[in-house]
């Protein structure tokens, strides 16, 4: 029998071991100690980047929506960025193939524009895009400062994903 490691979170290695031993691509472990000193923990593992993202999303959903457990602020923000990235693809129609056409840093440039604060005294929605803006004025859709930063982060994610796909194609 192994030692009980009371008070510690379940390590990702435990989830990886389950995945490898039983042939799963995604493992989500939800654990809870009930009582006065209760605590909750979710460990996720995905065999590969895409599976990891799905497992993390499932874990977040279980934690917040099913169990009603509070999320850490950084988890909430990461979730907002993921939802914005999904919105860009589903609502705006920016497909992976479309993103792959922007190989000269346009996605990063657009992110920088949304991340840059508006000049003092100017509402972000009122001003023109910065000179770095890579596309037509029609696509410049600033919101409030926080929302613009979420958009910027989602565009950075799009650029990182594009770079990863380009690296994979080069390696093939």
C-alpha atoms as a PDB file:
ATOM      1  CA  UNK A   1       0.000   0.000   0.000  1.00  0.00           C
ATOM      2  CA  UNK A   2       1.300   3.444  -0.864  1.00  0.00           C
ATOM      3  CA  UNK A   3       1.596   6.353   1.525  1.00  0.00           C
ATOM      4  CA  UNK A   4      -1.315   8.760   1.698  1.00  0.00           C
ATOM      5  CA  UNK A   5      -0.238  12.223   0.596  1.00  0.00           C
ATOM      6  CA  UNK A   6      -2.925  14.151   2.436  1.00  0.00           C
ATOM      7  CA  UNK A   7      -3.234  17.813   1.555  1.00  0.00           C
ATOM      8  CA  UNK A   8      -1.522  17.548  -1.828  1.00  0.00           C
ATOM      9  CA  UNK A   9      -3.049  17.936  -5.270  1.00  0.00           C
ATOM     10  CA  UNK A  10      -3.151  14.979  -7.608  1.00  0.00           C
ATOM     11  CA  UNK A  11      -0.167  15.373  -9.947  1.00  0.00           C
ATOM     12  CA  UNK A  12      -0.576  15.382 -13.710  1.00  0.00           C
ATOM     13  CA  UNK A  13       1.684  12.315 -13.793  1.00  0.00           C
ATOM     14  CA  UNK A  14      -1.141  10.326 -12.138  1.00  0.00           C
ATOM     15  CA  UNK A  15      -3.556  11.353 -14.892  1.00  0.00           C
ATOM     16  CA  UNK A  16      -0.930  10.575 -17.550  1.00  0.00           C
ATOM     17  CA  UNK A  17      -0.376   7.127 -16.020  1.00  0.00           C
ATOM     18  CA  UNK A  18      -4.107   6.404 -16.184  1.00  0.00           C
ATOM     19  CA  UNK A  19      -4.250   7.556 -19.811  1.00  0.00           C
ATOM     20  CA  UNK A  20      -1.291   5.419 -20.848  1.00  0.00           C
ATOM     21  CA  UNK A  21      -2.286   2.360 -18.832  1.00  0.00           C
ATOM     22  CA  UNK A  22      -5.879   2.291 -20.063  1.00  0.00           C
ATOM     23  CA  UNK A  23      -5.427   3.764 -23.542  1.00  0.00           C
ATOM     24  CA  UNK A  24      -7.234   7.093 -23.121  1.00  0.00           C
ATOM     25  CA  UNK A  25      -6.423  10.342 -24.903  1.00  0.00           C
ATOM     26  CA  UNK A  26      -8.000  12.601 -22.258  1.00  0.00           C
ATOM     27  CA  UNK A  27      -8.269  12.110 -18.499  1.00  0.00           C
ATOM     28  CA  UNK A  28     -10.013  14.403 -16.048  1.00  0.00           C
ATOM     29  CA  UNK A  29      -9.769  13.678 -12.325  1.00  0.00           C
ATOM     30  CA  UNK A  30     -12.155  15.530 -10.025  1.00  0.00           C
ATOM     31  CA  UNK A  31     -11.267  15.182  -6.338  1.00  0.00           C
ATOM     32  CA  UNK A  32     -12.837  16.639  -3.238  1.00  0.00           C
ATOM     33  CA  UNK A  33     -12.251  16.543   0.494  1.00  0.00           C
ATOM     34  CA  UNK A  34     -15.517  17.212   2.316  1.00  0.00           C
ATOM     35  CA  UNK A  35     -15.746  18.828   5.723  1.00  0.00           C
ATOM     36  CA  UNK A  36     -14.386  21.749   7.684  1.00  0.00           C
ATOM     37  CA  UNK A  37     -11.001  21.570   5.959  1.00  0.00           C
ATOM     38  CA  UNK A  38     -12.532  20.668   2.604  1.00  0.00           C
ATOM     39  CA  UNK A  39     -10.932  21.490  -0.672  1.00  0.00           C
ATOM     40  CA  UNK A  40     -11.408  20.708  -4.322  1.00  0.00           C
ATOM     41  CA  UNK A  41      -9.024  19.820  -7.082  1.00  0.00           C
ATOM     42  CA  UNK A  42      -9.196  19.001 -10.779  1.00  0.00           C
ATOM     43  CA  UNK A  43      -6.293  17.417 -12.635  1.00  0.00           C
ATOM     44  CA  UNK A  44      -6.414  17.110 -16.420  1.00  0.00           C
ATOM     45  CA  UNK A  45      -4.206  15.352 -18.935  1.00  0.00           C
ATOM     46  CA  UNK A  46      -4.339  15.187 -22.703  1.00  0.00           C
ATOM     47  CA  UNK A  47      -2.164  13.055 -24.967  1.00  0.00           C
ATOM     48  CA  UNK A  48      -1.074  15.848 -27.273  1.00  0.00           C
ATOM     49  CA  UNK A  49      -1.837  19.534 -27.554  1.00  0.00           C
ATOM     50  CA  UNK A  50      -5.392  19.254 -28.886  1.00  0.00           C
ATOM     51  CA  UNK A  51      -6.352  16.581 -26.360  1.00  0.00           C
ATOM     52  CA  UNK A  52      -4.792  18.647 -23.574  1.00  0.00           C
ATOM     53  CA  UNK A  53      -6.919  21.661 -24.503  1.00  0.00           C
ATOM     54  CA  UNK A  54     -10.091  19.557 -24.588  1.00  0.00           C
ATOM     55  CA  UNK A  55      -9.321  17.917 -21.233  1.00  0.00           C
ATOM     56  CA  UNK A  56      -8.615  21.312 -19.666  1.00  0.00           C
ATOM     57  CA  UNK A  57     -11.892  22.667 -21.044  1.00  0.00           C
ATOM     58  CA  UNK A  58     -13.814  19.672 -19.652  1.00  0.00           C
ATOM     59  CA  UNK A  59     -12.101  20.100 -16.276  1.00  0.00           C
ATOM     60  CA  UNK A  60     -12.950  23.801 -16.200  1.00  0.00           C
ATOM     61  CA  UNK A  61     -16.557  23.090 -17.152  1.00  0.00           C
ATOM     62  CA  UNK A  62     -16.913  20.432 -14.445  1.00  0.00           C
ATOM     63  CA  UNK A  63     -15.292  22.647 -11.842  1.00  0.00           C
ATOM     64  CA  UNK A  64     -17.304  25.778 -12.561  1.00  0.00           C
ATOM     65  CA  UNK A  65     -20.606  24.674 -14.067  1.00  0.00           C
ATOM     66  CA  UNK A  66     -21.253  21.242 -12.565  1.00  0.00           C
ATOM     67  CA  UNK A  67     -19.585  21.461  -9.169  1.00  0.00           C
ATOM     68  CA  UNK A  68     -19.988  25.222  -8.744  1.00  0.00           C
ATOM     69  CA  UNK A  69     -16.437  25.593  -7.451  1.00  0.00           C
ATOM     70  CA  UNK A  70     -14.814  28.994  -7.739  1.00  0.00           C
ATOM     71  CA  UNK A  71     -12.184  29.428 -10.422  1.00  0.00           C
ATOM     72  CA  UNK A  72      -8.872  31.150  -9.956  1.00  0.00           C
ATOM     73  CA  UNK A  73      -8.728  34.564 -11.670  1.00  0.00           C
ATOM     74  CA  UNK A  74      -6.095  33.412 -14.184  1.00  0.00           C
ATOM     75  CA  UNK A  75      -8.278  30.436 -15.123  1.00  0.00           C
ATOM     76  CA  UNK A  76     -11.253  32.706 -15.720  1.00  0.00           C
ATOM     77  CA  UNK A  77      -9.185  34.986 -17.950  1.00  0.00           C
ATOM     78  CA  UNK A  78      -7.702  32.045 -19.873  1.00  0.00           C
ATOM     79  CA  UNK A  79     -11.231  30.776 -20.435  1.00  0.00           C
ATOM     80  CA  UNK A  80     -12.320  34.187 -21.765  1.00  0.00           C
ATOM     81  CA  UNK A  81      -9.392  34.177 -24.186  1.00  0.00           C
ATOM     82  CA  UNK A  82     -10.297  30.669 -25.378  1.00  0.00           C
ATOM     83  CA  UNK A  83     -13.931  31.711 -25.866  1.00  0.00           C
ATOM     84  CA  UNK A  84     -12.838  34.806 -27.829  1.00  0.00           C
ATOM     85  CA  UNK A  85     -10.628  32.647 -30.044  1.00  0.00           C
ATOM     86  CA  UNK A  86     -13.584  30.346 -30.648  1.00  0.00           C
ATOM     87  CA  UNK A  87     -15.793  33.380 -31.412  1.00  0.00           C
ATOM     88  CA  UNK A  88     -13.272  34.657 -33.931  1.00  0.00           C
ATOM     89  CA  UNK A  89     -13.426  31.322 -35.722  1.00  0.00           C
ATOM     90  CA  UNK A  90     -17.164  30.612 -35.426  1.00  0.00           C
ATOM     91  CA  UNK A  91     -18.716  34.089 -35.688  1.00  0.00           C
ATOM     92  CA  UNK A  92     -16.151  35.997 -37.742  1.00  0.00           C
ATOM     93  CA  UNK A  93     -15.322  32.941 -39.854  1.00  0.00           C
ATOM     94  CA  UNK A  94     -11.544  33.134 -39.418  1.00  0.00           C
ATOM     95  CA  UNK A  95     -10.574  29.580 -40.281  1.00  0.00           C
ATOM     96  CA  UNK A  96      -7.227  27.926 -39.753  1.00  0.00           C
ATOM     97  CA  UNK A  97      -6.673  28.118 -43.520  1.00  0.00           C
ATOM     98  CA  UNK A  98      -7.380  31.851 -43.430  1.00  0.00           C
ATOM     99  CA  UNK A  99      -4.997  32.380 -40.509  1.00  0.00           C
ATOM    100  CA  UNK A 100      -2.290  30.432 -42.348  1.00  0.00           C
ATOM    101  CA  UNK A 101      -2.401  33.005 -45.167  1.00  0.00           C
ATOM    102  CA  UNK A 102      -1.214  35.704 -42.740  1.00  0.00           C
ATOM    103  CA  UNK A 103       2.435  34.646 -42.608  1.00  0.00           C
ATOM    104  CA  UNK A 104       3.927  38.149 -42.344  1.00  0.00           C
ATOM    105  CA  UNK A 105       2.950  38.843 -38.756  1.00  0.00           C
ATOM    106  CA  UNK A 106      -0.483  40.322 -39.426  1.00  0.00           C
ATOM    107  CA  UNK A 107      -2.137  38.429 -36.558  1.00  0.00           C
ATOM    108  CA  UNK A 108       0.506  39.658 -34.120  1.00  0.00           C
ATOM    109  CA  UNK A 109       0.226  43.194 -35.510  1.00  0.00           C
ATOM    110  CA  UNK A 110      -3.551  43.152 -35.007  1.00  0.00           C
ATOM    111  CA  UNK A 111      -3.031  41.855 -31.469  1.00  0.00           C
ATOM    112  CA  UNK A 112      -0.606  44.693 -30.764  1.00  0.00           C
ATOM    113  CA  UNK A 113      -3.173  47.208 -31.987  1.00  0.00           C
ATOM    114  CA  UNK A 114      -5.877  45.876 -29.680  1.00  0.00           C
ATOM    115  CA  UNK A 115      -3.405  45.692 -26.801  1.00  0.00           C
ATOM    116  CA  UNK A 116      -2.248  49.287 -27.245  1.00  0.00           C
ATOM    117  CA  UNK A 117      -4.249  51.704 -25.087  1.00  0.00           C
ATOM    118  CA  UNK A 118      -6.175  54.503 -26.755  1.00  0.00           C
ATOM    119  CA  UNK A 119      -4.667  57.992 -26.398  1.00  0.00           C
ATOM    120  CA  UNK A 120      -5.556  59.700 -23.126  1.00  0.00           C
ATOM    121  CA  UNK A 121      -9.082  61.004 -23.162  1.00  0.00           C
ATOM    122  CA  UNK A 122     -10.135  59.054 -26.268  1.00  0.00           C
ATOM    123  CA  UNK A 123     -12.607  56.204 -25.932  1.00  0.00           C
ATOM    124  CA  UNK A 124     -11.154  53.102 -27.638  1.00  0.00           C
ATOM    125  CA  UNK A 125     -14.290  52.777 -29.778  1.00  0.00           C
ATOM    126  CA  UNK A 126     -13.983  56.333 -31.094  1.00  0.00           C
ATOM    127  CA  UNK A 127     -10.471  56.421 -32.471  1.00  0.00           C
ATOM    128  CA  UNK A 128      -9.024  55.109 -35.706  1.00  0.00           C
ATOM    129  CA  UNK A 129      -6.846  52.001 -35.597  1.00  0.00           C
ATOM    130  CA  UNK A 130      -3.129  52.418 -34.950  1.00  0.00           C
ATOM    131  CA  UNK A 131      -0.941  52.688 -38.058  1.00  0.00           C
ATOM    132  CA  UNK A 132       0.201  49.107 -37.481  1.00  0.00           C
ATOM    133  CA  UNK A 133      -3.342  47.793 -38.130  1.00  0.00           C
ATOM    134  CA  UNK A 134      -2.876  45.235 -40.941  1.00  0.00           C
ATOM    135  CA  UNK A 135      -6.395  45.109 -42.414  1.00  0.00           C
ATOM    136  CA  UNK A 136      -9.128  47.376 -43.699  1.00  0.00           C
ATOM    137  CA  UNK A 137     -10.845  49.802 -41.337  1.00  0.00           C
ATOM    138  CA  UNK A 138     -13.972  47.622 -41.578  1.00  0.00           C
ATOM    139  CA  UNK A 139     -12.322  44.999 -39.359  1.00  0.00           C
ATOM    140  CA  UNK A 140     -11.226  47.421 -36.620  1.00  0.00           C
ATOM    141  CA  UNK A 141     -13.794  46.794 -33.878  1.00  0.00           C
ATOM    142  CA  UNK A 142     -12.409  48.035 -30.564  1.00  0.00           C
ATOM    143  CA  UNK A 143     -14.432  47.751 -27.376  1.00  0.00           C
ATOM    144  CA  UNK A 144     -13.490  48.691 -23.822  1.00  0.00           C
ATOM    145  CA  UNK A 145      -9.885  48.336 -22.612  1.00  0.00           C
ATOM    146  CA  UNK A 146     -10.343  44.911 -20.984  1.00  0.00           C
ATOM    147  CA  UNK A 147     -12.260  43.451 -23.936  1.00  0.00           C
ATOM    148  CA  UNK A 148      -9.572  44.726 -26.306  1.00  0.00           C
ATOM    149  CA  UNK A 149      -6.912  42.914 -24.268  1.00  0.00           C
ATOM    150  CA  UNK A 150      -8.913  39.669 -24.457  1.00  0.00           C
ATOM    151  CA  UNK A 151      -9.126  40.115 -28.246  1.00  0.00           C
ATOM    152  CA  UNK A 152      -5.399  40.809 -28.405  1.00  0.00           C
ATOM    153  CA  UNK A 153      -4.613  37.663 -26.425  1.00  0.00           C
ATOM    154  CA  UNK A 154      -6.859  35.554 -28.673  1.00  0.00           C
ATOM    155  CA  UNK A 155      -5.071  36.934 -31.738  1.00  0.00           C
ATOM    156  CA  UNK A 156      -1.727  36.027 -30.156  1.00  0.00           C
ATOM    157  CA  UNK A 157      -3.078  32.492 -29.645  1.00  0.00           C
ATOM    158  CA  UNK A 158      -4.058  32.432 -33.332  1.00  0.00           C
ATOM    159  CA  UNK A 159      -0.534  33.515 -34.314  1.00  0.00           C
ATOM    160  CA  UNK A 160       1.092  30.902 -32.076  1.00  0.00           C
ATOM    161  CA  UNK A 161      -1.164  28.193 -33.513  1.00  0.00           C
ATOM    162  CA  UNK A 162      -0.285  29.387 -37.036  1.00  0.00           C
ATOM    163  CA  UNK A 163       3.436  29.211 -36.235  1.00  0.00           C
ATOM    164  CA  UNK A 164       3.025  25.701 -34.807  1.00  0.00           C
ATOM    165  CA  UNK A 165       1.245  24.537 -37.974  1.00  0.00           C
ATOM    166  CA  UNK A 166       3.934  26.120 -40.169  1.00  0.00           C
ATOM    167  CA  UNK A 167       6.681  24.397 -38.137  1.00  0.00           C
ATOM    168  CA  UNK A 168       4.867  21.082 -38.458  1.00  0.00           C
ATOM    169  CA  UNK A 169       4.558  21.484 -42.248  1.00  0.00           C
ATOM    170  CA  UNK A 170       8.258  22.359 -42.517  1.00  0.00           C
ATOM    171  CA  UNK A 171       9.243  19.315 -40.467  1.00  0.00           C
ATOM    172  CA  UNK A 172       7.150  16.985 -42.651  1.00  0.00           C
END
